[in-house]
Amino acid sequence: MLPLLPGALGHRRQAGDGPGLRPAHRRSSARRTPFAGAHRPTGAGGLRRRPGGASPEAADGGGAGVRRACFFRLGYFPQEEHLRKNARALCEAGYQVDVVCLREPGQPGVERYWGGFVFRLPMAHRRTGLLRHLWEHLAFCLLLAVLVPALWAWRRHSVLEFYGPPDYAVFAALLPRLLGARLVLYIFDLLPETLARGLGLGEDSLAVRLAGWAERASTALAQAVVVEGPHERDVVVARGTPAEKVVWVPNVPDEDVFRPSAGVSPPEDGFVVMTHGTLLARYGIDEVVRAAALLRGRIPRLRAWIVGEGEHRPVAQALAASLGLDGVVTFVGWVPYASLAALVARADVGVVPLRFNSLPNKLFEYALSGRAVVAADLPSIRRLFGDALLYFPPGDAGALAEAISRLYADPDLRRRLGEAAREVAQRHAWSRVRHLYVALHESGPRGIPLPESDA
């Protein structure tokens, strides 16, 4: 059983966070854990909720000349940390920020926040198969086709920012684009690769080629395109998007939250291996469970913490039970953002077991905290971090176990890799790259220096 963490009963705003985010709701859970009150991450800084009743101009100091931005995301706000972080950056740069997103049970459809509004659409995101996936994308785009022009006519946003997938949702903003609004496309996952991976299709299949066409059309309409890594930038440019309009801005956490002094690793924890995030099969959760089974006889008091929620959690829990890993593998669930930082600081090794190419936020969270990291050997990760990590072939639980065993046997190697990873992460810290993100909304990417791309 994991000890109760400070702050697990709810996030308290930290000094220096700036305007604190107050979530619209908290969802209760019948399963109580030592992390009582665990929830999707909230509260690492962002927007302060405003009382209703006044017009947006009166409440927000608006009027002629006010700069407004609007985010569109097939996801949830304020739960998604990257949305809060980006909204906060623009608010601190003088923008009023509106957000259009999905609605979870118990959340209001419209909510006032400092700097703008949150508009929640009457739909929810469910990863239950291809048909549901296609339906969500179609429904989201149809709703935006009606909402975006109307919302822009009312709020007169100077910037409309779309978070893909679906990338092609940007076409809902064709009219505002023609009338002078700046269009920013933020690509989280490359559409052709995502489709090929999800359906097991080849590069030359019709569906993947259509996805490539949709991506190129979407990036052509946008005036600025944001990707999360240098590898992704090279791919998008190679497919025909002009290099001068594509900027990579790493999706990094708040370095004031994730730092080596954020927590202490108590001796009673044992040797702790940790991974966290949304629990999906393609994120390699099973590899962590299988590696724990291989290591339990080699590492005394081994503990594997799997933090997060997702539809693969029951499958991974069943696998752990079948391998007799009770007391070794702990499924923690979601924890508040500040408590997550304390958990990371108590881990000995962070694991990034993705089965697909990406540059995930969790990698930077481990690195900024000075943790040694074992990561799947993927182009985006290796290009940025180089020799600062240990690698294993994606999907290979045996190789993952060997890398963890090596770190267990060599504390000095753990220390050196933790320091090296932190050095790389600090070069790309949010305090150093946020100006790249803000500048996209003001002048476009032309002439903006790119962050360093070498480890």
Foldseek 3Di string as FASTA:
>chain_A
DDAQDVQLQHHDADPPQPAWDDDQDQDADPDADSSGSFDQAGISHAWAFDDDDDDCCVRAVDDPPQAEEEEEEAADPPRDPLVRVLRRLQVVVRYQYEYEYADDPPGDQWGGIHRGIYGHDDDHDDPDDDVSVVVSLVVSLVVLLPVVVVVCVVPVHQEYEYEDDVLLSQVSCQVVLVVHRAYEYEYQDQQLQVVCVVVVDDCPDPVSVVSLVSLLVSLVSHQAYEYAFPVVLVVSVVSPRPSLRYAYAHSEDALVLQAQPLAEADVVQFAEEEEEDEDDVQQPLLLLLVLLLVCPVPGDNAAYEYEAYYPCVVVSVVVNVVSVNVSRYDDDYGGYPSSVSHVLSNHQEYERQGNDAHDDRVLLSNLNNLFAYEYAPHPRVCQQLPPLHHYDHRPDSVRVSVRVSVCSVDVVNRNSSSPSSSVSSVLSHCVVRVVCVNVCSPPGSRPPDHGDRHD
